[in-house]
Protein backbone atom coordinates (compact mmCIF):
# COMPACT_ATOMS: atom_id res chain seq x y z
CA MET A 1 49.75 -64.31 -28.75
CA ASP A 2 48.66 -65.84 -25.49
CA ASP A 3 46.21 -64.18 -23.12
CA ALA A 4 48.95 -63.07 -20.72
CA ARG A 5 50.67 -60.98 -23.40
CA ARG A 6 47.47 -59.60 -25.08
CA PRO A 7 47.33 -55.76 -24.94
CA LEU A 8 44.79 -54.22 -22.56
CA MET A 9 43.31 -52.23 -25.49
CA SER A 10 42.75 -54.67 -28.34
CA ILE A 11 42.26 -53.85 -31.99
CA ARG A 12 39.78 -55.85 -34.00
CA CYS A 13 40.10 -55.85 -37.77
CA ASP A 14 38.83 -57.74 -40.72
CA GLU A 15 38.96 -57.21 -44.45
CA SER A 16 35.57 -55.50 -44.61
CA ARG A 17 35.88 -53.25 -41.57
CA ARG A 18 38.21 -50.34 -41.00
CA CYS A 19 40.47 -50.84 -37.98
CA ARG A 20 39.39 -48.39 -35.29
CA PRO A 21 40.56 -48.81 -31.70
CA SER A 22 38.04 -47.96 -29.03
CA PHE A 23 40.43 -45.48 -27.42
CA VAL A 24 40.35 -43.40 -30.65
CA ARG A 25 36.60 -43.11 -30.38
CA PHE A 26 37.01 -42.17 -26.74
CA LEU A 27 39.56 -39.46 -27.53
CA THR A 28 37.36 -38.12 -30.33
CA ALA A 29 34.43 -37.78 -27.97
CA ILE A 30 36.59 -36.02 -25.37
CA THR A 31 37.90 -33.61 -28.00
CA LEU A 32 34.44 -32.73 -29.28
CA PHE A 33 33.16 -32.24 -25.75
CA SER A 34 36.10 -29.96 -24.94
CA LEU A 35 35.48 -27.85 -28.03
CA TRP A 36 31.79 -27.54 -27.15
CA LEU A 37 32.66 -26.54 -23.58
CA ILE A 38 35.13 -23.90 -24.74
CA PHE A 39 32.61 -22.46 -27.20
CA SER A 40 29.77 -22.43 -24.69
CA LEU A 41 31.91 -20.51 -22.21
CA SER A 42 33.28 -18.05 -24.73
CA PRO A 43 32.66 -14.31 -24.19
CA ALA A 44 30.38 -14.18 -27.24
CA SER A 45 27.92 -16.57 -25.60
CA THR A 46 28.29 -15.68 -21.94
CA LEU A 47 28.41 -11.92 -22.43
CA ALA A 48 25.62 -11.50 -25.00
CA ALA A 49 23.83 -8.19 -24.49
CA THR A 50 20.41 -8.34 -22.87
CA PRO A 51 17.56 -5.93 -23.60
CA PRO A 52 16.64 -3.13 -21.21
CA ALA A 53 14.34 -3.85 -18.29
CA GLN A 54 11.26 -1.83 -17.44
CA PRO A 55 12.25 1.69 -16.34
CA ALA A 56 11.68 2.53 -12.70
CA SER A 57 9.55 5.59 -13.39
CA GLY A 58 7.95 7.71 -16.08
CA PRO A 59 5.71 6.60 -18.96
CA GLY A 60 6.04 2.83 -19.30
CA GLY A 61 7.70 2.66 -15.89
CA ALA A 62 7.04 0.68 -12.72
CA ASP A 63 6.14 3.53 -10.35
CA TYR A 64 2.58 2.36 -9.75
CA ALA A 65 0.02 4.26 -7.69
CA HIS A 66 -1.89 1.08 -6.81
CA ARG A 67 -0.66 -2.26 -5.54
CA SER A 68 -3.46 -4.47 -6.84
CA VAL A 69 -6.28 -4.82 -9.36
CA SER A 70 -9.94 -5.63 -8.72
CA THR A 71 -11.51 -7.80 -11.43
CA SER A 72 -15.04 -8.81 -12.40
CA ILE A 73 -16.83 -10.41 -15.36
CA HIS A 74 -20.20 -9.25 -16.69
CA GLY A 75 -22.63 -10.12 -19.48
CA PHE A 76 -22.62 -13.26 -21.59
CA GLY A 77 -21.81 -14.47 -25.08
CA ASP A 78 -20.55 -11.84 -27.50
CA LEU A 79 -21.57 -9.12 -25.04
CA GLN A 80 -19.49 -10.42 -22.16
CA TYR A 81 -16.82 -8.07 -20.86
CA TYR A 82 -14.23 -7.80 -18.10
CA LEU A 83 -13.84 -4.90 -15.68
CA PHE A 84 -10.48 -4.10 -14.13
CA GLU A 85 -10.35 -1.43 -11.42
CA PRO A 86 -7.42 0.00 -9.45
CA ASP A 87 -7.24 -1.11 -5.83
CA ASN A 88 -5.08 -0.92 -2.72
CA PRO A 89 -5.63 1.95 -2.37
CA LYS A 90 -9.03 2.16 -4.03
CA PRO A 91 -9.64 5.58 -5.61
CA GLN A 92 -12.95 7.39 -5.60
CA THR A 93 -12.74 8.10 -9.34
CA ALA A 94 -10.49 7.05 -12.21
CA PRO A 95 -10.11 7.61 -15.97
CA LEU A 96 -11.88 5.10 -18.21
CA ILE A 97 -10.04 3.03 -20.83
CA VAL A 98 -11.57 0.62 -23.37
CA PHE A 99 -9.06 -2.06 -24.42
CA THR A 100 -10.02 -4.06 -27.53
CA HIS A 101 -8.21 -7.32 -28.26
CA GLY A 102 -7.11 -8.95 -31.49
CA TYR A 103 -9.00 -11.68 -33.29
CA GLY A 104 -9.64 -14.58 -30.92
CA GLY A 105 -7.97 -12.92 -27.92
CA THR A 106 -11.13 -13.05 -25.82
CA ASN A 107 -9.20 -14.02 -22.69
CA PRO A 108 -7.66 -10.82 -21.27
CA ALA A 109 -4.68 -12.81 -20.01
CA SER A 110 -3.39 -12.48 -23.59
CA TYR A 111 -2.61 -8.84 -22.75
CA GLY A 112 -2.52 -9.33 -19.00
CA ALA A 113 0.70 -7.51 -18.18
CA TRP A 114 -0.26 -4.46 -20.24
CA ILE A 115 -3.75 -4.30 -18.72
CA GLU A 116 -2.38 -4.62 -15.21
CA HIS A 117 0.12 -1.86 -15.97
CA ILE A 118 -2.66 0.48 -17.15
CA VAL A 119 -4.88 -0.25 -14.16
CA ARG A 120 -2.18 0.03 -11.51
CA ARG A 121 -1.36 3.46 -12.91
CA GLY A 122 -4.86 4.44 -11.79
CA ASN A 123 -7.26 3.68 -14.67
CA ILE A 124 -10.41 1.59 -15.07
CA VAL A 125 -10.18 -0.82 -18.02
CA ILE A 126 -13.17 -2.30 -19.87
CA TYR A 127 -12.21 -5.34 -21.94
CA PRO A 128 -15.08 -6.29 -24.29
CA LYS A 129 -15.08 -9.90 -25.42
CA TYR A 130 -17.12 -8.90 -28.52
CA GLN A 131 -16.86 -12.34 -30.18
CA SER A 132 -17.37 -16.02 -29.50
CA LEU A 133 -16.71 -19.19 -31.47
CA THR A 134 -20.06 -18.84 -33.20
CA SER A 135 -19.30 -15.31 -34.45
CA MET A 136 -15.61 -15.61 -35.35
CA ILE A 137 -16.46 -16.48 -38.94
CA GLY A 138 -18.62 -13.93 -40.74
CA GLY A 139 -19.60 -12.07 -37.57
CA SER A 140 -17.23 -9.13 -37.76
CA PHE A 141 -19.99 -6.74 -38.88
CA ARG A 142 -21.34 -7.00 -35.29
CA TYR A 143 -18.08 -6.50 -33.43
CA THR A 144 -18.22 -2.71 -33.19
CA SER A 145 -21.79 -2.68 -31.91
CA ASN A 146 -20.94 -5.51 -29.50
CA CYS A 147 -18.12 -3.43 -28.05
CA ILE A 148 -20.29 -0.36 -27.70
CA SER A 149 -23.06 -2.36 -26.01
CA SER A 150 -20.54 -3.78 -23.55
CA VAL A 151 -19.19 -0.32 -22.71
CA GLN A 152 -22.71 1.03 -22.24
CA ASP A 153 -23.49 -1.79 -19.83
CA ALA A 154 -20.18 -1.33 -18.01
CA LEU A 155 -21.00 2.33 -17.39
CA GLU A 156 -24.19 1.24 -15.64
CA VAL A 157 -22.36 -1.38 -13.59
CA LEU A 158 -19.77 1.18 -12.51
CA LYS A 159 -22.56 3.31 -11.03
CA THR A 160 -23.35 0.60 -8.49
CA ALA A 161 -21.89 0.29 -5.01
CA GLY A 162 -18.41 -1.12 -4.63
CA HIS A 163 -17.04 0.09 -7.95
CA VAL A 164 -14.68 2.93 -8.78
CA LYS A 165 -16.57 5.84 -10.33
CA PRO A 166 -15.34 6.57 -13.87
CA ASP A 167 -14.22 10.10 -14.70
CA LEU A 168 -16.07 10.53 -17.98
CA ASP A 169 -14.00 13.56 -18.93
CA LYS A 170 -11.01 11.23 -19.13
CA PHE A 171 -11.96 8.55 -21.67
CA ALA A 172 -9.57 6.77 -24.05
CA THR A 173 -9.51 3.72 -26.31
CA VAL A 174 -6.66 1.39 -27.25
CA GLY A 175 -6.66 -1.81 -29.30
CA HIS A 176 -4.52 -4.30 -31.20
CA SER A 177 -5.07 -5.98 -34.59
CA TYR A 178 -8.85 -6.40 -35.04
CA GLY A 179 -9.01 -4.34 -31.87
CA GLY A 180 -6.96 -1.66 -33.62
CA ILE A 181 -9.87 -1.24 -36.04
CA LEU A 182 -12.43 -1.45 -33.24
CA THR A 183 -10.70 1.16 -31.11
CA VAL A 184 -11.08 3.85 -33.78
CA ASN A 185 -14.63 2.67 -34.57
CA ILE A 186 -15.62 3.07 -30.92
CA ALA A 187 -14.01 6.51 -30.85
CA ALA A 188 -15.94 7.49 -33.98
CA LEU A 189 -19.34 6.30 -32.71
CA ALA A 190 -18.87 7.16 -29.04
CA GLN A 191 -20.89 10.35 -28.84
CA LYS A 192 -23.66 9.00 -31.10
CA SER A 193 -23.91 6.04 -28.74
CA GLY A 194 -24.07 8.00 -25.52
CA LEU A 195 -20.48 7.27 -24.56
CA PRO A 196 -18.01 9.92 -23.41
CA ALA A 197 -16.02 11.79 -26.03
CA PRO A 198 -12.63 10.08 -26.42
CA ARG A 199 -9.67 12.23 -25.47
CA ALA A 200 -6.99 9.77 -26.63
CA VAL A 201 -7.00 6.92 -29.17
CA MET A 202 -4.21 4.43 -29.90
CA SER A 203 -4.49 1.86 -32.69
CA VAL A 204 -1.80 -0.83 -32.66
CA GLN A 205 -1.16 -2.91 -35.80
CA PRO A 206 -4.77 -2.51 -36.99
CA GLY A 207 -6.24 -4.96 -39.48
CA VAL A 208 -7.79 -6.19 -41.52
CA THR A 209 -10.30 -4.42 -43.72
CA PRO A 210 -12.61 -5.26 -45.43
CA ALA A 211 -13.16 -8.20 -43.05
CA MET A 212 -13.35 -5.72 -40.16
CA PRO A 213 -15.00 -2.61 -41.64
CA LEU A 214 -14.09 0.92 -40.60
CA GLU A 215 -16.72 3.41 -39.47
CA ASP A 216 -16.70 7.08 -40.51
CA LEU A 217 -13.49 8.14 -38.80
CA SER A 218 -14.20 11.82 -39.42
CA LEU A 219 -16.55 11.52 -36.43
CA ILE A 220 -13.63 11.13 -34.01
CA PRO A 221 -13.41 14.46 -32.14
CA SER A 222 -10.93 16.82 -33.73
CA ASP A 223 -9.36 17.59 -30.35
CA ALA A 224 -8.55 13.93 -29.63
CA LEU A 225 -4.94 12.75 -29.57
CA LEU A 226 -4.17 9.84 -31.91
CA ILE A 227 -1.30 7.38 -32.33
CA VAL A 228 -1.18 4.61 -34.94
CA VAL A 229 1.55 1.97 -34.45
CA VAL A 230 2.86 -0.69 -36.85
CA GLY A 231 5.65 -3.27 -36.58
CA ASP A 232 8.44 -3.59 -39.14
CA ARG A 233 8.09 -7.41 -39.06
CA ASP A 234 4.32 -7.67 -38.98
CA LEU A 235 3.51 -10.11 -41.76
CA VAL A 236 -0.02 -10.72 -40.48
CA VAL A 237 -1.68 -7.35 -41.16
CA GLY A 238 1.17 -5.16 -42.39
CA ASN A 239 0.62 -1.40 -42.43
CA LYS A 240 -2.08 -0.81 -45.03
CA ASP A 241 -4.95 -0.28 -42.58
CA ALA A 242 -2.77 1.76 -40.24
CA LYS A 243 -2.06 4.18 -43.07
CA LYS A 244 -5.74 4.24 -43.94
CA ILE A 245 -6.69 5.18 -40.37
CA PHE A 246 -4.08 7.93 -40.25
CA ARG A 247 -5.27 9.41 -43.56
CA LEU A 248 -8.99 9.18 -42.74
CA THR A 249 -8.61 11.24 -39.56
CA ARG A 250 -7.80 14.52 -41.31
CA GLN A 251 -9.85 16.46 -38.77
CA ILE A 252 -7.14 15.80 -36.17
CA PRO A 253 -4.24 18.24 -36.63
CA LEU A 254 -0.89 16.65 -37.44
CA GLU A 255 0.61 18.03 -34.24
CA ASN A 256 -1.92 15.91 -32.32
CA LYS A 257 -1.29 12.59 -34.05
CA ASP A 258 1.63 10.42 -35.14
CA TYR A 259 2.24 7.31 -37.23
CA ILE A 260 4.91 5.19 -35.53
CA ILE A 261 6.94 2.17 -36.65
CA MET A 262 8.27 -0.28 -34.06
CA VAL A 263 11.71 -1.40 -35.20
CA SER A 264 13.11 -4.89 -34.59
CA ASP A 265 16.57 -5.20 -33.05
CA THR A 266 18.61 -8.41 -33.02
CA HIS A 267 21.74 -6.99 -31.38
CA GLY A 268 21.42 -9.11 -28.22
CA THR A 269 19.55 -11.99 -26.65
CA PRO A 270 16.63 -12.32 -26.49
CA ARG A 271 16.13 -10.30 -29.61
CA LEU A 272 13.38 -7.75 -30.06
CA SER A 273 11.04 -8.67 -32.92
CA ALA A 274 8.35 -6.16 -33.86
CA ASP A 275 6.07 -8.84 -35.28
CA HIS A 276 2.31 -9.00 -35.00
CA PHE A 277 2.41 -10.57 -31.54
CA ALA A 278 4.71 -7.98 -29.96
CA PRO A 279 1.84 -6.27 -28.06
CA THR A 280 0.74 -9.47 -26.31
CA SER A 281 1.95 -9.96 -22.75
CA LEU A 282 0.64 -13.13 -21.15
CA ALA A 283 -0.21 -12.68 -17.46
CA THR A 284 -3.08 -13.25 -15.09
CA ILE A 285 -4.62 -10.07 -13.71
CA GLY A 286 -5.65 -9.37 -10.15
CA GLY A 287 -6.26 -13.01 -9.30
CA LEU A 288 -8.47 -13.53 -12.37
CA LEU A 289 -7.84 -16.62 -14.48
CA PRO A 290 -5.23 -18.38 -12.31
CA ASP A 291 -5.00 -20.95 -15.09
CA PRO A 292 -5.01 -18.96 -18.35
CA GLY A 293 -6.15 -22.08 -20.18
CA ARG A 294 -7.82 -21.19 -23.46
CA ILE A 295 -6.22 -17.97 -24.49
CA VAL A 296 -5.23 -17.60 -28.11
CA PRO A 297 -6.42 -19.12 -31.37
CA ASP A 298 -4.28 -21.77 -32.99
CA TYR A 299 -3.55 -20.21 -36.37
CA GLY A 300 -2.35 -23.53 -37.74
CA SER A 301 -5.53 -23.90 -39.77
CA ILE A 302 -5.19 -20.40 -41.21
CA VAL A 303 -1.52 -19.92 -41.97
CA PRO A 304 0.34 -22.10 -44.49
CA ALA A 305 3.18 -24.07 -42.94
CA ALA A 306 5.76 -22.25 -45.03
CA LEU A 307 4.72 -18.91 -43.54
CA ARG A 308 4.40 -19.93 -39.90
CA PRO A 309 8.03 -19.33 -38.89
CA TYR A 310 7.79 -15.76 -40.13
CA LEU A 311 4.98 -14.93 -37.70
CA SER A 312 7.31 -15.41 -34.75
CA GLY A 313 10.32 -13.86 -36.43
CA GLU A 314 12.29 -17.09 -36.13
CA SER A 315 13.28 -17.07 -39.80
CA LEU A 316 13.67 -13.34 -40.26
CA GLY A 317 17.19 -12.75 -41.48
CA PRO A 318 18.96 -9.89 -43.22
CA ASP A 319 17.11 -10.61 -46.47
CA PHE A 320 13.67 -10.15 -44.91
CA PRO A 321 11.68 -7.56 -46.91
CA SER A 322 11.31 -5.12 -44.03
CA LEU A 323 8.61 -2.47 -43.83
CA LEU A 324 11.22 0.12 -42.89
CA PRO A 325 11.53 3.21 -45.10
CA ASP A 326 13.50 2.87 -48.30
CA ALA A 327 16.27 5.22 -49.41
CA GLU A 328 13.76 7.89 -50.36
CA GLY A 329 12.07 7.72 -46.97
CA ALA A 330 8.84 6.21 -48.28
CA VAL A 331 7.28 3.37 -46.31
CA PRO A 332 5.98 0.63 -48.64
CA GLU A 333 2.32 -0.23 -48.20
CA PHE A 334 1.84 -3.85 -47.18
CA GLY A 335 -1.47 -5.49 -46.37
CA GLY A 336 -0.12 -8.62 -44.71
CA ILE A 337 -1.07 -12.21 -45.44
CA PHE A 338 -4.46 -11.83 -43.73
CA GLY A 339 -5.13 -8.55 -45.50
CA ALA A 340 -4.32 -10.12 -48.86
CA TYR A 341 -6.53 -13.08 -48.08
CA PHE A 342 -9.57 -11.08 -47.03
CA GLN A 343 -9.17 -8.62 -49.89
CA ASN A 344 -9.06 -11.56 -52.29
CA LEU A 345 -12.11 -13.04 -50.58
CA ALA A 346 -14.04 -9.78 -50.89
CA ASP A 347 -13.06 -9.38 -54.53
CA LYS A 348 -14.28 -12.91 -55.29
CA VAL A 349 -17.57 -12.23 -53.53
CA ARG A 350 -18.10 -8.95 -55.37
CA SER A 351 -17.29 -10.49 -58.74
CA SER A 352 -19.75 -13.32 -58.15
CA THR A 353 -22.57 -11.12 -56.80
CA SER A 354 -25.41 -10.28 -59.18
CA GLU A 355 -26.93 -6.81 -59.44
CA GLU A 356 -30.09 -8.10 -57.77
CA ASP A 357 -28.22 -9.15 -54.63
CA ASP A 358 -28.59 -6.97 -51.57
CA LEU A 359 -25.04 -5.94 -50.72
CA SER A 360 -26.15 -4.67 -47.32
CA ASP A 361 -27.03 -8.21 -46.32
CA PRO A 362 -24.11 -9.71 -44.35
CA ASP A 363 -24.94 -13.13 -45.76
CA THR A 364 -24.42 -11.75 -49.26
CA LEU A 365 -21.07 -10.21 -48.42
CA TRP A 366 -19.86 -13.15 -46.34
CA PRO A 367 -21.06 -16.51 -47.65
CA ASP A 368 -20.15 -19.82 -46.09
CA PRO A 369 -16.32 -19.78 -46.13
CA SER A 370 -16.26 -23.44 -47.13
CA THR A 371 -17.51 -22.45 -50.60
CA LEU A 372 -14.37 -20.42 -51.18
CA MET A 373 -11.76 -22.48 -49.38
CA ALA A 374 -10.79 -24.52 -52.42
CA GLU A 375 -9.98 -21.36 -54.39
CA SER A 376 -8.20 -19.49 -51.63
CA GLY A 377 -4.50 -19.36 -50.97
CA LEU A 378 -5.15 -19.62 -47.23
CA LEU A 379 -7.62 -21.71 -45.32
CA LEU A 380 -10.27 -20.47 -42.96
CA PRO A 381 -10.91 -22.63 -39.89
CA SER A 382 -14.42 -23.94 -39.42
CA ALA A 383 -14.02 -23.09 -35.74
CA PRO A 384 -10.73 -21.65 -34.47
CA SER A 385 -9.23 -23.93 -31.87
CA THR A 386 -7.31 -22.82 -28.84
CA THR A 387 -4.39 -24.23 -26.93
CA ALA A 388 -3.32 -24.03 -23.32
CA ALA A 389 -0.68 -21.33 -23.07
CA SER A 390 0.95 -23.08 -20.16
CA VAL A 391 1.53 -26.15 -22.31
CA ASN A 392 2.17 -25.10 -25.90
CA LEU A 393 1.31 -22.02 -27.93
CA GLY A 394 2.59 -23.49 -31.16
CA SER A 395 6.02 -23.32 -32.70
CA PHE A 396 5.02 -20.30 -34.77
CA ILE A 397 3.41 -18.32 -31.92
CA PRO A 398 5.98 -16.54 -29.72
CA MET A 399 5.69 -16.84 -25.97
CA PHE A 400 3.91 -13.76 -24.73
CA GLY A 401 6.52 -12.14 -22.53
CA THR A 402 7.13 -8.44 -21.97
CA ASN A 403 10.22 -6.66 -23.26
CA ALA A 404 11.51 -3.28 -24.38
CA LEU A 405 8.93 -3.12 -27.18
CA ASP A 406 6.31 -3.02 -24.43
CA TYR A 407 8.01 -0.77 -21.87
CA TYR A 408 9.60 1.76 -24.21
CA CYS A 409 7.13 1.64 -27.10
CA LEU A 410 3.55 0.54 -26.51
CA TRP A 411 3.23 1.10 -22.77
CA LYS A 412 5.22 4.33 -22.88
CA LEU A 413 3.28 5.73 -25.81
CA PHE A 414 -0.15 5.00 -24.35
CA ASP A 415 0.81 6.18 -20.86
CA ALA A 416 2.13 9.43 -22.26
CA LEU A 417 -0.77 9.87 -24.68
CA THR A 418 -3.33 9.60 -21.87
CA ASP A 419 -1.18 11.74 -19.56
CA ALA A 420 -1.13 14.44 -22.23
CA ALA A 421 -4.86 14.16 -22.93
CA PHE A 422 -6.01 13.90 -19.30
CA TYR A 423 -3.46 15.92 -17.34
CA GLY A 424 -1.50 18.01 -19.84
CA LYS A 425 1.85 16.34 -19.11
CA ASN A 426 4.36 13.95 -20.75
CA ARG A 427 3.27 14.94 -24.25
CA GLU A 428 6.91 14.81 -25.40
CA TYR A 429 6.94 11.04 -24.77
CA ALA A 430 3.91 10.46 -27.04
CA LEU A 431 3.90 13.00 -29.86
CA GLY A 432 6.10 15.27 -31.91
CA ASN A 433 8.94 13.02 -33.12
CA THR A 434 10.98 13.95 -30.06
CA GLN A 435 14.01 12.15 -28.67
CA GLN A 436 11.94 11.07 -25.64
CA GLN A 437 9.30 9.57 -27.92
CA ARG A 438 11.75 7.67 -30.13
CA TYR A 439 14.05 6.44 -27.34
CA MET A 440 13.90 2.68 -26.74
CA GLY A 441 16.42 2.19 -23.94
CA GLU A 442 19.83 0.53 -24.14
CA TRP A 443 21.14 -3.01 -24.34
CA SER A 444 23.18 -4.16 -21.36
CA ASP A 445 26.41 -3.38 -23.24
CA GLY A 446 25.36 0.25 -23.63
CA LYS A 447 24.30 0.10 -27.28
CA PRO A 448 21.01 1.97 -27.82
CA VAL A 449 18.05 -0.12 -28.92
CA LYS A 450 16.93 0.91 -32.40
CA GLU A 451 14.69 3.94 -32.11
CA LEU A 452 11.06 4.23 -33.14
CA ILE A 453 10.41 5.78 -36.54
CA VAL A 454 7.87 8.61 -36.30
CA THR A 455 6.21 10.34 -39.24
CA ASP A 456 3.24 12.51 -40.15
CA ASN A 457 3.34 11.40 -43.78
CA PRO A 458 3.13 7.60 -43.97
């Protein structure tokens, strides 16, 4: 065939190659692209339900009494702390809240949105740092006293000119993870330490003992209001210590305390995962920390690679062994991967300690972790590293945004708990297994978000 009669679209073949005209490849690509386009524009993808936004008013809502937050930093090292005060307008007095962070969360931006919410409602927040890189390993026996020292110093600072005067009859504590242990410890030792008597205490996903020891919780005032919160997908600390706290506060009547389970809901997008990082809410506060920078520890050196996806809920499917009640209504006790690790560590130390050893010596209870690393199922970091949140928090650490688990669970519960303790209102949103307490809002398609589970018998 001469060039004049050659087809515009030629076909090249040989004995070792399958004949495949270029236009077939072209049509295949067009077909695949068309199918992708049709799927991407289908109602299932374009009309996926979205979670509820922050309510306009009420506990957890956006009806703020103050337009801005005044911030300051005081102390140094393990005794450094942050003060957040309501401003614009600046009140003469305000209730006092101590907010204790989880392990390594020394930068308050880790909980920035929640802190700002509390302060703009009209409260002073003290955020003790309580730890540094040098005390993150084996230093937990000092964390409670560090927090108390920071609060004592903050009370003196608040007496000076330019600060909002704290109303010491309205004192509450709230904390997450390690801070969930510390918040009840502070409440227990408050009056012995010259601090105000706590009126409200909220412990969120507390853990883990024995690494973070509990004080005598019977010292918490019997007239205090108490909430203990766990997440149904919290693999980090589970619910073992939360149950322990609830059971060790027998002096508080059951009508004044509740054990609450946050429930995950994957009905829409983005889904709501009640994992260990649900309480975090990355945000700068009142102009402080414009570049959050070093915020959270990189748990890559602690958590085995196989478990990392579970911390963010990315691999949690229908077969996940949830912490929700079983058919008989009992909630399984689960210590979490960190709880199991530290319990194993403590057991190894006890079994290897002679009768002559002084068990009150922290060095006896907590030897150099490197001596136990080879035997452990998990690895302890020699010095926890941090990453810039604005760049990468790690594939297994969820981005710290706010969602319905904040607005309708954690923020709502603490707002209502302090309202009830300080002002005698909104108790039905915090305690009593009421519809207002359990309600979690609705997805954009009208389907209710899965309610909180409330019990007095965990």
